[in-house]
């Protein structure tokens, strides 16, 4: 769509097709434009951490739906265009956009969960379900979010009888059972979901997640290895040219000594090169989800045990060399195969389960380098190779920031009869790289905690720049160490204000049920965002709405007003509370 303004002169609106031909804009075109504008407002809004704002500075972001009347127009447009939604594309984790997995359905679910307008969402999907039963999965998700779980279970039961191989329905049911701690019930459902949509990442990831909850570590790794990975496609955000200089006036409503401009427009601080080289922070889409599953396994069983199970389910380099020596004409098809065969069918066909090994047993050395077949080609020169023999206690006692882990001893060739070789799989190169990146994360994390402990023992101040504390906070969060992450973020805030660190501290307050702390962090984030012309963040609105549900609107307003910040800053957060009242959210009446 194009709007051309001539000054002095006229205003002309028209549309351009994919061939560049100029066409007259119809009502249908304007309806699509209106709907997409709302979806983009939610999709491109900042999460509260300031990351989106920093990408394109000086762009105004505002809430497109501020009343029930605007909501009716939005949902009416969504209903009229719903069955064309797949044309918009989908999130990067979805291989093929379909009726229930596309940007339109993602935007609708985001809007419903953010505003708490579950009744409106249920009414919309009920009407659409009469035209296509596949939409039952979306309706069930809204029922679960609205705490109508009995209705959701009944709906899923009826819909799956009608569509027994619909992977969206099966995935919704598997996720619900797993969330209730019944991974045993979710397992067979997730397997059927994988069979229904074997080319979709989400079904495999769900199955791996369930294996993790069941502590079937070997099958979790095999399933993760089978995940179809997609190249991350970034949103079609405009590419802005680098400005020669930036002049962004400060709005009077946001003037506050506590919140400065540091880090918003590109002030680069001194950061240690090892922290700059952490690659995990760059993972997006399917690779980010796979990495989080791998870190969750590591958190539960430890790095040494992870490597031991890895060597038992994947072909290691030394095994491969040995097999080539004793059987040069061996058919590789007999020894590789598809990991899904093991993950989806009987465990007799795969490696022996090793979820709970004897604690007294020592991990075997499977390779001279401790890595599998593809590591030698893909290992970055800047990364050190992980060792089976490097334990946390050993690292804490011997490693320093400039030293690399000791190499493991050569393998014991007297135990060269690899009886399970025919049951093993080749590790995918991308998963092999994840192990290398995970090792580097663990190494830097251990160095940080060791140094911090040494400084505390000597009663010395452990100093780092604000950006280094931000990186360490994200590192601890990736490795599922929330307390250490908050420690780093609070250290960052003691140096200067950082929206990323404040967002992390906000999460800690939410986990602890500290309503006053939640509001204090939210007020500062709202004011910082408004400073950069962002008047709306769905996640901050969600935070305020959930707090009003728990504490009541009157108490929330009183806590905001009692905060020792300027009144014009407090008014910005009052606008979020007023929005909850306009939508008649739970708790806003009293």
Protein backbone atom coordinates (compact mmCIF):
# COMPACT_ATOMS: atom_id res chain seq x y z
CA UNK A 1 0.00 0.00 0.00
CA UNK A 2 1.22 3.50 -0.86
CA UNK A 3 0.03 6.93 0.22
CA UNK A 4 1.58 9.72 -1.85
CA UNK A 5 1.32 13.29 -0.57
CA UNK A 6 2.15 16.34 -2.70
CA UNK A 7 2.62 19.66 -0.91
CA UNK A 8 0.93 21.75 -2.06
CA UNK A 9 -1.35 19.41 -3.94
CA UNK A 10 -3.30 16.23 -3.34
CA UNK A 11 -3.17 12.96 -1.43
CA UNK A 12 -3.29 9.77 -3.48
CA UNK A 13 -3.55 6.21 -2.18
CA UNK A 14 -2.90 3.14 -4.30
CA UNK A 15 -1.34 -0.33 -4.10
CA UNK A 16 1.55 -2.00 -5.89
CA UNK A 17 1.57 -5.71 -6.70
CA UNK A 18 4.57 -8.06 -6.74
CA UNK A 19 5.36 -7.09 -10.35
CA UNK A 20 5.45 -3.38 -9.52
CA UNK A 21 2.16 -2.59 -11.28
CA UNK A 22 0.15 0.28 -9.84
CA UNK A 23 -3.43 -0.71 -8.91
CA UNK A 24 -6.38 1.02 -7.34
CA UNK A 25 -6.69 0.24 -3.62
CA UNK A 26 -9.93 -1.62 -2.87
CA UNK A 27 -11.80 -2.01 0.40
CA UNK A 28 -10.36 -5.52 0.68
CA UNK A 29 -6.84 -4.10 0.45
CA UNK A 30 -7.52 -1.55 3.19
CA UNK A 31 -9.05 -4.27 5.40
CA UNK A 32 -5.91 -6.36 5.02
CA UNK A 33 -3.75 -3.31 5.74
CA UNK A 34 -5.70 -2.54 8.92
CA UNK A 35 -5.43 -6.11 10.22
CA UNK A 36 -1.72 -6.37 9.41
CA UNK A 37 -0.99 -3.07 11.13
CA UNK A 38 -2.37 -4.43 14.41
CA UNK A 39 -0.51 -7.71 14.03
CA UNK A 40 2.73 -5.81 13.40
CA UNK A 41 2.16 -3.58 16.42
CA UNK A 42 2.14 -6.68 18.61
CA UNK A 43 4.79 -8.62 16.71
CA UNK A 44 7.32 -5.75 16.61
CA UNK A 45 6.60 -4.37 20.07
CA UNK A 46 9.39 -4.38 22.63
CA UNK A 47 9.39 -7.10 25.27
CA UNK A 48 10.46 -4.64 27.95
CA UNK A 49 14.18 -5.44 27.66
CA UNK A 50 14.83 -2.64 25.15
CA UNK A 51 16.32 -4.97 22.52
CA UNK A 52 13.74 -4.13 19.85
CA UNK A 53 13.97 -0.41 20.58
CA UNK A 54 17.76 -0.46 20.13
CA UNK A 55 17.46 -2.01 16.66
CA UNK A 56 15.53 0.97 15.27
CA UNK A 57 15.81 4.03 17.49
CA UNK A 58 13.37 6.91 17.29
CA UNK A 59 10.33 5.01 15.97
CA UNK A 60 7.04 5.57 17.75
CA UNK A 61 5.30 2.41 18.92
CA UNK A 62 1.79 2.64 20.28
CA UNK A 63 -1.11 0.39 21.26
CA UNK A 64 -3.55 0.05 18.33
CA UNK A 65 -6.38 -1.43 20.45
CA UNK A 66 -7.28 0.76 23.41
CA UNK A 67 -11.03 0.16 23.76
CA UNK A 68 -13.62 -2.57 23.39
CA UNK A 69 -14.93 -0.86 20.24
CA UNK A 70 -11.46 -1.06 18.64
CA UNK A 71 -11.28 -4.68 19.72
CA UNK A 72 -14.59 -5.48 17.98
CA UNK A 73 -13.25 -3.98 14.73
CA UNK A 74 -10.02 -5.96 15.06
CA UNK A 75 -11.69 -9.30 15.75
CA UNK A 76 -14.26 -8.72 13.01
CA UNK A 77 -11.45 -8.13 10.50
CA UNK A 78 -9.65 -11.23 11.79
CA UNK A 79 -12.79 -13.33 11.33
CA UNK A 80 -13.32 -12.10 7.78
CA UNK A 81 -9.72 -12.75 6.75
CA UNK A 82 -8.98 -15.76 8.97
CA UNK A 83 -8.91 -18.40 6.26
CA UNK A 84 -6.36 -16.37 4.29
CA UNK A 85 -4.05 -16.01 7.28
CA UNK A 86 -1.64 -18.71 6.11
CA UNK A 87 -0.54 -16.34 3.33
CA UNK A 88 1.12 -14.11 5.94
CA UNK A 89 3.73 -16.75 6.73
CA UNK A 90 4.57 -18.03 10.20
CA UNK A 91 7.08 -17.99 13.02
CA UNK A 92 10.56 -19.35 12.13
CA UNK A 93 9.86 -22.56 14.10
CA UNK A 94 7.07 -23.51 11.67
CA UNK A 95 8.11 -25.23 8.45
CA UNK A 96 4.84 -24.82 6.50
CA UNK A 97 2.26 -22.17 7.49
CA UNK A 98 -1.24 -23.60 7.77
CA UNK A 99 -4.68 -22.65 9.01
CA UNK A 100 -3.77 -22.73 12.71
CA UNK A 101 -0.03 -21.93 12.57
CA UNK A 102 0.61 -18.55 11.01
CA UNK A 103 1.24 -14.93 11.96
CA UNK A 104 -2.47 -14.18 12.22
CA UNK A 105 -3.19 -16.92 14.76
CA UNK A 106 0.00 -16.05 16.67
CA UNK A 107 -1.09 -12.40 16.84
CA UNK A 108 -4.61 -13.32 17.95
CA UNK A 109 -3.35 -15.57 20.75
CA UNK A 110 -0.84 -12.90 21.84
CA UNK A 111 -3.59 -10.28 21.98
CA UNK A 112 -5.96 -12.54 23.93
CA UNK A 113 -3.32 -13.58 26.48
CA UNK A 114 -1.97 -10.03 26.88
CA UNK A 115 -5.31 -8.35 27.48
CA UNK A 116 -7.05 -11.27 29.19
CA UNK A 117 -10.00 -10.96 26.79
CA UNK A 118 -10.59 -14.71 26.82
CA UNK A 119 -14.35 -14.48 26.29
CA UNK A 120 -13.84 -12.53 23.08
CA UNK A 121 -11.30 -15.09 21.88
CA UNK A 122 -13.56 -18.02 22.74
CA UNK A 123 -16.48 -16.44 20.87
CA UNK A 124 -14.28 -15.83 17.81
CA UNK A 125 -12.87 -19.35 17.62
CA UNK A 126 -16.25 -20.95 18.38
CA UNK A 127 -17.70 -19.26 15.31
CA UNK A 128 -14.72 -20.22 13.16
CA UNK A 129 -14.76 -23.82 14.42
CA UNK A 130 -18.18 -24.37 12.88
CA UNK A 131 -16.54 -23.80 9.49
CA UNK A 132 -13.45 -25.93 10.10
CA UNK A 133 -12.95 -28.35 13.06
CA UNK A 134 -9.15 -27.92 12.80
CA UNK A 135 -9.54 -24.60 14.65
CA UNK A 136 -10.40 -26.60 17.79
CA UNK A 137 -6.71 -26.55 18.77
CA UNK A 138 -6.75 -22.74 18.98
CA UNK A 139 -9.97 -22.78 20.98
CA UNK A 140 -8.51 -25.34 23.38
CA UNK A 141 -5.43 -23.16 23.95
CA UNK A 142 -7.65 -20.20 24.84
CA UNK A 143 -9.70 -22.38 27.21
CA UNK A 144 -6.50 -23.48 28.98
CA UNK A 145 -5.26 -19.89 29.27
CA UNK A 146 -8.67 -18.86 30.65
CA UNK A 147 -8.44 -21.60 33.32
CA UNK A 148 -11.30 -23.52 31.70
CA UNK A 149 -9.34 -26.75 31.61
CA UNK A 150 -12.34 -29.11 31.83
CA UNK A 151 -13.84 -27.56 28.71
CA UNK A 152 -10.45 -27.74 26.98
CA UNK A 153 -10.07 -31.46 27.74
CA UNK A 154 -13.61 -32.23 26.54
CA UNK A 155 -13.03 -30.23 23.36
CA UNK A 156 -9.70 -31.96 22.64
CA UNK A 157 -11.29 -35.37 23.21
CA UNK A 158 -14.09 -34.66 20.75
CA UNK A 159 -11.86 -33.01 18.15
CA UNK A 160 -9.24 -35.77 18.14
CA UNK A 161 -11.94 -38.36 17.57
CA UNK A 162 -12.92 -36.38 14.49
CA UNK A 163 -9.34 -35.55 13.40
CA UNK A 164 -7.17 -38.31 14.93
CA UNK A 165 -3.97 -37.25 13.10
CA UNK A 166 -4.16 -33.46 13.40
CA UNK A 167 -0.74 -32.56 14.82
CA UNK A 168 -1.87 -29.23 16.30
CA UNK A 169 -4.53 -30.96 18.39
CA UNK A 170 -2.12 -33.71 19.43
CA UNK A 171 0.59 -31.20 20.34
CA UNK A 172 -1.86 -29.17 22.44
CA UNK A 173 -2.96 -32.33 24.28
CA UNK A 174 0.62 -33.51 24.82
CA UNK A 175 1.68 -30.11 26.16
CA UNK A 176 -1.28 -30.05 28.56
CA UNK A 177 -0.56 -33.55 29.93
CA UNK A 178 3.15 -32.79 30.32
CA UNK A 179 2.40 -29.52 32.12
CA UNK A 180 0.32 -31.52 34.60
CA UNK A 181 3.27 -33.77 35.37
CA UNK A 182 1.90 -36.71 33.37
CA UNK A 183 4.66 -37.24 30.87
CA UNK A 184 3.66 -40.91 30.67
CA UNK A 185 0.32 -39.89 29.17
CA UNK A 186 1.88 -37.23 26.96
CA UNK A 187 4.49 -39.57 25.47
CA UNK A 188 2.30 -41.65 23.16
CA UNK A 189 0.39 -38.54 22.09
CA UNK A 190 3.63 -36.75 21.19
CA UNK A 191 4.83 -39.79 19.22
CA UNK A 192 1.63 -39.75 17.19
CA UNK A 193 2.08 -36.03 16.63
CA UNK A 194 5.58 -36.66 15.23
CA UNK A 195 4.23 -39.35 12.93
CA UNK A 196 1.54 -36.93 11.78
CA UNK A 197 3.96 -34.08 11.02
CA UNK A 198 7.52 -35.47 10.81
CA UNK A 199 8.86 -32.40 8.99
CA UNK A 200 7.75 -29.94 11.72
CA UNK A 201 10.27 -28.93 14.37
CA UNK A 202 7.65 -28.29 17.06
CA UNK A 203 6.46 -31.92 17.21
CA UNK A 204 9.99 -33.29 17.63
CA UNK A 205 10.86 -30.61 20.19
CA UNK A 206 7.75 -31.51 22.20
CA UNK A 207 8.73 -35.18 22.18
CA UNK A 208 12.26 -34.31 23.34
CA UNK A 209 10.82 -32.11 26.09
CA UNK A 210 8.65 -35.00 27.32
CA UNK A 211 11.62 -37.39 27.33
CA UNK A 212 13.50 -34.84 29.45
CA UNK A 213 10.60 -34.68 31.93
CA UNK A 214 10.61 -38.51 32.06
CA UNK A 215 14.41 -38.49 32.57
CA UNK A 216 14.93 -40.60 29.45
CA UNK A 217 18.12 -38.76 28.65
CA UNK A 218 19.34 -41.03 25.84
CA UNK A 219 16.04 -40.88 23.97
CA UNK A 220 15.88 -37.12 24.55
CA UNK A 221 19.25 -36.71 22.80
CA UNK A 222 18.25 -39.00 19.96
CA UNK A 223 15.00 -37.11 19.46
CA UNK A 224 16.80 -33.78 19.57
CA UNK A 225 19.20 -35.11 16.95
CA UNK A 226 16.22 -35.90 14.69
CA UNK A 227 14.71 -32.40 14.85
CA UNK A 228 14.40 -30.75 11.44
CA UNK A 229 16.27 -27.46 11.80
CA UNK A 230 15.33 -24.35 9.79
CA UNK A 231 17.42 -21.33 8.96
CA UNK A 232 16.15 -18.40 11.01
CA UNK A 233 14.29 -15.85 8.93
CA UNK A 234 14.28 -12.48 10.65
CA UNK A 235 11.17 -10.32 10.60
CA UNK A 236 10.88 -7.97 7.67
CA UNK A 237 11.83 -5.01 9.81
CA UNK A 238 13.03 -2.02 7.77
CA UNK A 239 16.78 -1.70 7.33
CA UNK A 240 17.63 1.78 8.49
CA UNK A 241 20.77 3.52 7.17
CA UNK A 242 23.37 4.45 9.74
CA UNK A 243 22.73 8.07 10.80
CA UNK A 244 25.51 10.61 10.79
CA UNK A 245 24.26 11.95 14.12
CA UNK A 246 21.22 11.40 16.32
CA UNK A 247 19.20 14.06 18.08
CA UNK A 248 16.25 12.66 20.01
CA UNK A 249 14.70 15.18 22.38
CA UNK A 250 13.76 13.92 25.82
CA UNK A 251 10.05 14.06 26.49
CA UNK A 252 9.22 15.97 29.66
CA UNK A 253 7.09 13.05 30.91
CA UNK A 254 10.16 10.80 31.14
CA UNK A 255 12.70 13.08 32.77
CA UNK A 256 14.08 11.14 35.71
CA UNK A 257 17.58 11.14 37.18
CA UNK A 258 17.41 7.42 37.92
CA UNK A 259 16.84 6.49 34.26
CA UNK A 260 19.53 7.67 31.89
CA UNK A 261 20.22 7.10 28.21
CA UNK A 262 23.21 4.80 28.65
CA UNK A 263 23.40 2.00 26.13
CA UNK A 264 20.36 2.99 24.09
CA UNK A 265 21.93 4.55 21.03
CA UNK A 266 25.17 2.63 20.89
CA UNK A 267 27.62 3.58 23.62
CA UNK A 268 30.09 0.71 23.49
CA UNK A 269 31.62 -0.31 26.78
CA UNK A 270 34.77 -2.27 27.43
CA UNK A 271 33.90 -5.97 27.32
CA UNK A 272 36.32 -8.87 27.67
CA UNK A 273 36.81 -10.70 24.33
CA UNK A 274 35.81 -14.08 25.82
CA UNK A 275 32.40 -12.65 26.72
CA UNK A 276 32.02 -11.15 23.25
CA UNK A 277 32.67 -14.55 21.70
CA UNK A 278 29.82 -16.40 23.42
CA UNK A 279 27.83 -17.67 20.44
CA UNK A 280 24.76 -18.97 22.27
CA UNK A 281 23.31 -15.47 22.58
CA UNK A 282 23.00 -15.33 18.79
CA UNK A 283 20.83 -18.43 18.50
CA UNK A 284 17.32 -17.80 17.20
CA UNK A 285 14.36 -19.89 16.14
CA UNK A 286 14.77 -23.66 16.17
CA UNK A 287 18.41 -23.51 17.26
CA UNK A 288 17.57 -21.44 20.34
CA UNK A 289 14.87 -23.92 21.43
CA UNK A 290 17.18 -26.90 20.85
CA UNK A 291 19.93 -25.21 22.86
CA UNK A 292 17.56 -24.54 25.76
CA UNK A 293 16.57 -28.22 25.80
CA UNK A 294 20.24 -29.19 25.88
CA UNK A 295 20.97 -26.80 28.75
CA UNK A 296 17.97 -28.16 30.65
CA UNK A 297 19.37 -31.68 30.38
CA UNK A 298 22.78 -30.42 31.52
CA UNK A 299 21.24 -28.64 34.51
CA UNK A 300 19.59 -31.87 35.65
CA UNK A 301 22.36 -34.42 35.10
CA UNK A 302 25.58 -32.42 34.77
CA UNK A 303 28.11 -32.01 31.98
CA UNK A 304 30.06 -35.24 32.66
CA UNK A 305 26.94 -37.39 32.63
CA UNK A 306 25.70 -35.64 29.49
CA UNK A 307 28.94 -36.53 27.70
CA UNK A 308 28.73 -40.11 28.89
CA UNK A 309 25.21 -40.56 27.52
CA UNK A 310 26.25 -38.76 24.36
CA UNK A 311 29.04 -41.27 23.81
CA UNK A 312 26.58 -44.14 24.29
CA UNK A 313 24.01 -42.97 21.74
CA UNK A 314 26.23 -41.33 19.11
CA UNK A 315 29.17 -42.73 17.16
CA UNK A 316 32.37 -41.28 18.57
CA UNK A 317 35.46 -40.57 16.51
CA UNK A 318 37.60 -43.35 18.00
CA UNK A 319 34.82 -45.89 17.47
CA UNK A 320 34.49 -44.87 13.86
CA UNK A 321 38.22 -45.27 13.25
CA UNK A 322 38.26 -48.65 14.96
CA UNK A 323 35.26 -49.84 12.94
CA UNK A 324 36.95 -48.78 9.71
CA UNK A 325 40.03 -50.78 10.67
CA UNK A 326 38.28 -54.04 11.51
CA UNK A 327 35.54 -53.83 8.88
CA UNK A 328 36.60 -51.67 5.91
CA UNK A 329 33.82 -53.10 3.76
CA UNK A 330 31.14 -52.71 6.41
CA UNK A 331 27.87 -51.31 5.07
CA UNK A 332 27.24 -48.00 6.83
CA UNK A 333 23.49 -48.43 6.38
CA UNK A 334 23.56 -51.17 8.99
CA UNK A 335 25.09 -48.92 11.61
CA UNK A 336 23.50 -45.54 11.12
CA UNK A 337 19.77 -45.26 10.43
CA UNK A 338 17.25 -42.77 11.61
CA UNK A 339 17.18 -41.73 15.26
CA UNK A 340 13.42 -41.52 15.10
CA UNK A 341 13.37 -45.33 14.86
CA UNK A 342 14.79 -45.48 18.37
CA UNK A 343 12.84 -42.54 19.77
CA UNK A 344 9.44 -43.57 18.44
CA UNK A 345 9.48 -47.36 18.60
CA UNK A 346 10.79 -50.03 20.93
CA UNK A 347 13.81 -49.33 23.08
CA UNK A 348 15.20 -52.78 22.22
CA UNK A 349 16.29 -51.38 18.85
CA UNK A 350 18.33 -48.59 20.41
CA UNK A 351 21.02 -48.09 23.01
CA UNK A 352 20.49 -49.30 26.52
CA UNK A 353 18.79 -46.67 28.70
CA UNK A 354 21.29 -44.89 30.83
CA UNK A 355 19.24 -42.32 32.67
CA UNK A 356 20.35 -43.44 36.14
CA UNK A 357 23.88 -44.88 36.03
CA UNK A 358 25.79 -46.09 39.02
CA UNK A 359 27.19 -42.99 40.67
CA UNK A 360 30.40 -44.81 41.51
CA UNK A 361 31.11 -45.68 37.90
CA UNK A 362 33.61 -43.55 36.01
CA UNK A 363 32.76 -42.12 32.57
CA UNK A 364 34.52 -43.89 29.73
CA UNK A 365 36.84 -42.09 27.33
CA UNK A 366 35.24 -42.64 23.93
CA UNK A 367 37.49 -40.40 21.87
CA UNK A 368 40.90 -38.86 22.15
CA UNK A 369 39.30 -35.47 21.79
CA UNK A 370 36.04 -36.24 23.59
CA UNK A 371 34.04 -35.30 20.50
CA UNK A 372 32.18 -37.16 17.82
CA UNK A 373 32.68 -37.68 14.13
CA UNK A 374 31.94 -34.18 12.87
CA UNK A 375 33.60 -32.15 15.60
CA UNK A 376 36.99 -31.94 13.93
CA UNK A 377 35.52 -30.17 10.92
CA UNK A 378 33.15 -27.82 12.73
CA UNK A 379 35.01 -26.82 15.89
CA UNK A 380 35.86 -23.13 15.92
CA UNK A 381 39.50 -22.35 16.71
CA UNK A 382 38.36 -20.08 19.54
CA UNK A 383 36.62 -22.92 21.41
CA UNK A 384 38.30 -25.47 23.62
CA UNK A 385 37.25 -29.08 23.21
CA UNK A 386 35.29 -30.52 26.16
CA UNK A 387 36.72 -33.40 28.13
CA UNK A 388 34.90 -36.28 29.78
CA UNK A 389 37.22 -35.93 32.77
CA UNK A 390 36.79 -32.24 33.55
CA UNK A 391 34.56 -32.00 36.61
CA UNK A 392 33.20 -28.87 38.22
CA UNK A 393 35.37 -29.32 41.30
CA UNK A 394 38.47 -29.77 39.18
CA UNK A 395 37.70 -26.70 37.14
CA UNK A 396 37.05 -24.61 40.21
CA UNK A 397 40.42 -25.59 41.62
CA UNK A 398 42.62 -25.32 38.57
CA UNK A 399 41.17 -23.19 35.80
CA UNK A 400 41.87 -19.53 35.33
CA UNK A 401 40.61 -17.13 32.73
CA UNK A 402 43.49 -17.60 30.32
CA UNK A 403 43.98 -21.36 30.60
CA UNK A 404 42.23 -24.11 28.66
CA UNK A 405 40.98 -27.40 30.14
CA UNK A 406 43.47 -30.22 30.15
CA UNK A 407 43.13 -32.72 27.32
CA UNK A 408 41.86 -36.15 28.36
CA UNK A 409 44.28 -39.09 28.30
CA UNK A 410 44.46 -41.32 25.19
CA UNK A 411 41.71 -43.92 24.96
CA UNK A 412 42.27 -47.38 26.37
CA UNK A 413 42.53 -49.48 23.22
CA UNK A 414 42.27 -52.70 25.22
CA UNK A 415 38.52 -52.09 25.41
CA UNK A 416 38.10 -51.63 21.69
CA UNK A 417 35.14 -54.01 21.25
CA UNK A 418 32.34 -51.53 20.65
CA UNK A 419 29.43 -53.94 20.95
CA UNK A 420 26.78 -51.22 20.70
CA UNK A 421 28.19 -49.60 17.57
CA UNK A 422 25.48 -51.00 15.35
CA UNK A 423 22.82 -49.32 17.50
CA UNK A 424 24.41 -45.87 17.51
CA UNK A 425 23.61 -42.86 15.34
CA UNK A 426 25.73 -40.17 13.75
CA UNK A 427 25.40 -36.87 15.58
CA UNK A 428 24.11 -34.08 13.36
CA UNK A 429 26.67 -31.35 12.76
CA UNK A 430 24.43 -28.61 14.19
CA UNK A 431 23.93 -30.60 17.41
CA UNK A 432 27.66 -31.22 17.60
CA UNK A 433 28.17 -27.45 17.43
CA UNK A 434 25.63 -26.97 20.24
CA UNK A 435 27.77 -29.19 22.49
CA UNK A 436 30.80 -27.01 21.73
CA UNK A 437 28.88 -23.80 22.44
CA UNK A 438 27.44 -25.27 25.63
CA UNK A 439 30.92 -26.21 26.81
CA UNK A 440 32.15 -22.68 26.26
CA UNK A 441 29.16 -21.30 28.19
CA UNK A 442 29.86 -23.65 31.09
CA UNK A 443 33.57 -22.79 31.05
CA UNK A 444 33.01 -19.04 31.23
CA UNK A 445 30.30 -19.47 33.87
CA UNK A 446 32.64 -21.57 36.04
CA UNK A 447 35.43 -19.01 35.69
CA UNK A 448 33.06 -16.22 36.75
CA UNK A 449 31.74 -18.06 39.82
CA UNK A 450 35.26 -19.12 40.86
CA UNK A 451 36.63 -15.59 40.58
CA UNK A 452 33.63 -14.13 42.42
CA UNK A 453 34.11 -16.60 45.29
CA UNK A 454 37.83 -15.79 45.51
CA UNK A 455 37.15 -12.06 45.64
CA UNK A 456 34.57 -12.57 48.39
CA UNK A 457 37.05 -14.60 50.45
CA UNK A 458 39.58 -11.79 50.16
CA UNK A 459 36.94 -9.11 50.88
CA UNK A 460 37.64 -7.40 47.55
CA UNK A 461 35.19 -5.77 45.18
CA UNK A 462 34.57 -7.82 42.03
CA UNK A 463 34.26 -5.15 39.32
CA UNK A 464 33.03 -5.42 35.75
CA UNK A 465 31.44 -3.02 33.29
CA UNK A 466 27.64 -2.78 33.07
CA UNK A 467 27.58 -4.54 29.70
CA UNK A 468 29.73 -7.38 31.04
CA UNK A 469 27.28 -7.84 33.91
CA UNK A 470 24.45 -7.95 31.36
CA UNK A 471 26.22 -10.69 29.41
CA UNK A 472 26.94 -12.69 32.57
CA UNK A 473 23.31 -12.36 33.63
CA UNK A 474 22.11 -13.73 30.31
CA UNK A 475 24.71 -16.51 30.53
CA UNK A 476 23.46 -17.63 33.95
CA UNK A 477 19.87 -17.46 32.76
CA UNK A 478 20.68 -19.63 29.71
CA UNK A 479 22.24 -22.23 31.99
CA UNK A 480 19.20 -22.20 34.32
CA UNK A 481 20.88 -20.47 37.29
CA UNK A 482 18.28 -17.77 38.09
CA UNK A 483 19.81 -16.63 41.40
CA UNK A 484 23.22 -16.02 39.86
CA UNK A 485 21.56 -14.25 36.91
CA UNK A 486 19.76 -11.84 39.24
CA UNK A 487 23.02 -11.24 41.12
CA UNK A 488 24.68 -10.15 37.85
CA UNK A 489 21.75 -7.97 36.80
CA UNK A 490 21.64 -6.23 40.16
CA UNK A 491 25.38 -5.56 39.89
CA UNK A 492 24.72 -4.07 36.44
CA UNK A 493 21.99 -1.79 37.82
CA UNK A 494 24.37 -0.59 40.52
CA UNK A 495 26.63 0.73 37.72
CA UNK A 496 23.94 2.27 35.47
CA UNK A 497 20.33 1.72 34.49
CA UNK A 498 19.84 -1.11 32.01
CA UNK A 499 16.43 -2.18 30.67
CA UNK A 500 17.75 -5.69 29.99
CA UNK A 501 18.94 -6.07 33.58
CA UNK A 502 15.79 -4.51 34.99
CA UNK A 503 13.68 -6.94 32.96
CA UNK A 504 15.64 -9.82 34.50
CA UNK A 505 15.12 -8.46 38.02
CA UNK A 506 11.41 -8.04 37.21
CA UNK A 507 11.24 -11.78 36.45
CA UNK A 508 12.76 -12.52 39.87
CA UNK A 509 10.15 -10.36 41.61
CA UNK A 510 7.38 -12.16 39.70
CA UNK A 511 8.69 -15.60 40.71
CA UNK A 512 8.86 -14.50 44.36
CA UNK A 513 5.40 -12.93 44.32
CA UNK A 514 6.81 -9.52 45.33
CA UNK A 515 4.10 -7.16 44.03
CA UNK A 516 5.85 -4.02 45.22
CA UNK A 517 9.10 -5.04 43.54
CA UNK A 518 7.24 -5.93 40.32
CA UNK A 519 5.65 -2.49 40.15
CA UNK A 520 8.90 -0.70 40.98
CA UNK A 521 10.67 -2.43 38.10
CA UNK A 522 7.70 -1.99 35.75
CA UNK A 523 7.49 1.77 36.40
CA UNK A 524 11.14 2.22 35.46
CA UNK A 525 10.82 0.08 32.33
CA UNK A 526 7.70 1.95 31.20
CA UNK A 527 9.43 5.30 31.69
CA UNK A 528 12.59 4.16 29.88
CA UNK A 529 10.56 2.90 26.92
CA UNK A 530 8.56 6.11 26.74
CA UNK A 531 11.85 7.99 26.63
CA UNK A 532 12.45 6.24 23.26
CA UNK A 533 8.92 6.95 22.01
CA UNK A 534 7.62 3.44 22.69
CA UNK A 535 4.26 3.89 24.37
CA UNK A 536 3.26 0.24 24.41
CA UNK A 537 4.82 -3.07 25.43
CA UNK A 538 2.51 -6.12 25.49
CA UNK A 539 4.62 -7.88 28.11
CA UNK A 540 4.55 -4.90 30.48
CA UNK A 541 0.80 -4.61 29.99
CA UNK A 542 0.51 -8.33 30.79
CA UNK A 543 2.60 -7.82 33.95
CA UNK A 544 0.35 -4.99 35.17
CA UNK A 545 -2.81 -6.95 34.31
CA UNK A 546 -1.70 -10.07 36.21
CA UNK A 547 -0.76 -7.96 39.23
CA UNK A 548 -4.18 -6.27 39.19
CA UNK A 549 -5.81 -9.72 39.07
CA UNK A 550 -3.87 -10.79 42.16
CA UNK A 551 -3.80 -7.59 44.21
CA UNK A 552 -6.73 -5.51 42.94
CA UNK A 553 -6.68 -2.23 41.03
CA UNK A 554 -6.96 0.00 44.10
CA UNK A 555 -3.95 -1.56 45.82
CA UNK A 556 -1.89 -1.45 42.63
CA UNK A 557 -2.67 2.22 42.07
CA UNK A 558 -1.78 2.97 45.68
CA UNK A 559 1.58 1.20 45.42
CA UNK A 560 2.37 3.07 42.19
CA UNK A 561 1.47 6.39 43.79
CA UNK A 562 3.57 5.65 46.89
CA UNK A 563 6.72 5.14 44.81
CA UNK A 564 9.31 7.88 45.28
CA UNK A 565 9.52 8.82 41.61
CA UNK A 566 8.28 11.98 39.87
CA UNK A 567 4.53 12.14 39.33
CA UNK A 568 4.83 12.50 35.55
CA UNK A 569 6.73 9.17 35.49
CA UNK A 570 4.08 7.45 37.60
CA UNK A 571 1.33 8.63 35.26
CA UNK A 572 2.84 6.57 32.45
CA UNK A 573 2.24 3.37 34.42
CA UNK A 574 -1.22 4.56 35.47
CA UNK A 575 -2.06 4.49 31.73
CA UNK A 576 -1.49 0.71 31.69
CA UNK A 577 -3.76 0.32 34.73
CA UNK A 578 -6.40 2.47 33.02
CA UNK A 579 -6.20 0.23 29.96
CA UNK A 580 -6.95 -2.80 32.16
CA UNK A 581 -9.98 -0.93 33.54
CA UNK A 582 -11.16 -0.11 30.01
CA UNK A 583 -11.08 -3.81 29.14
CA UNK A 584 -12.72 -4.68 32.46
CA UNK A 585 -9.92 -7.06 33.44
CA UNK A 586 -10.34 -9.22 36.51
CA UNK A 587 -9.58 -7.22 39.65
CA UNK A 588 -10.04 -3.81 38.02
CA UNK A 589 -13.52 -3.30 39.53
CA UNK A 590 -12.45 -3.17 43.14
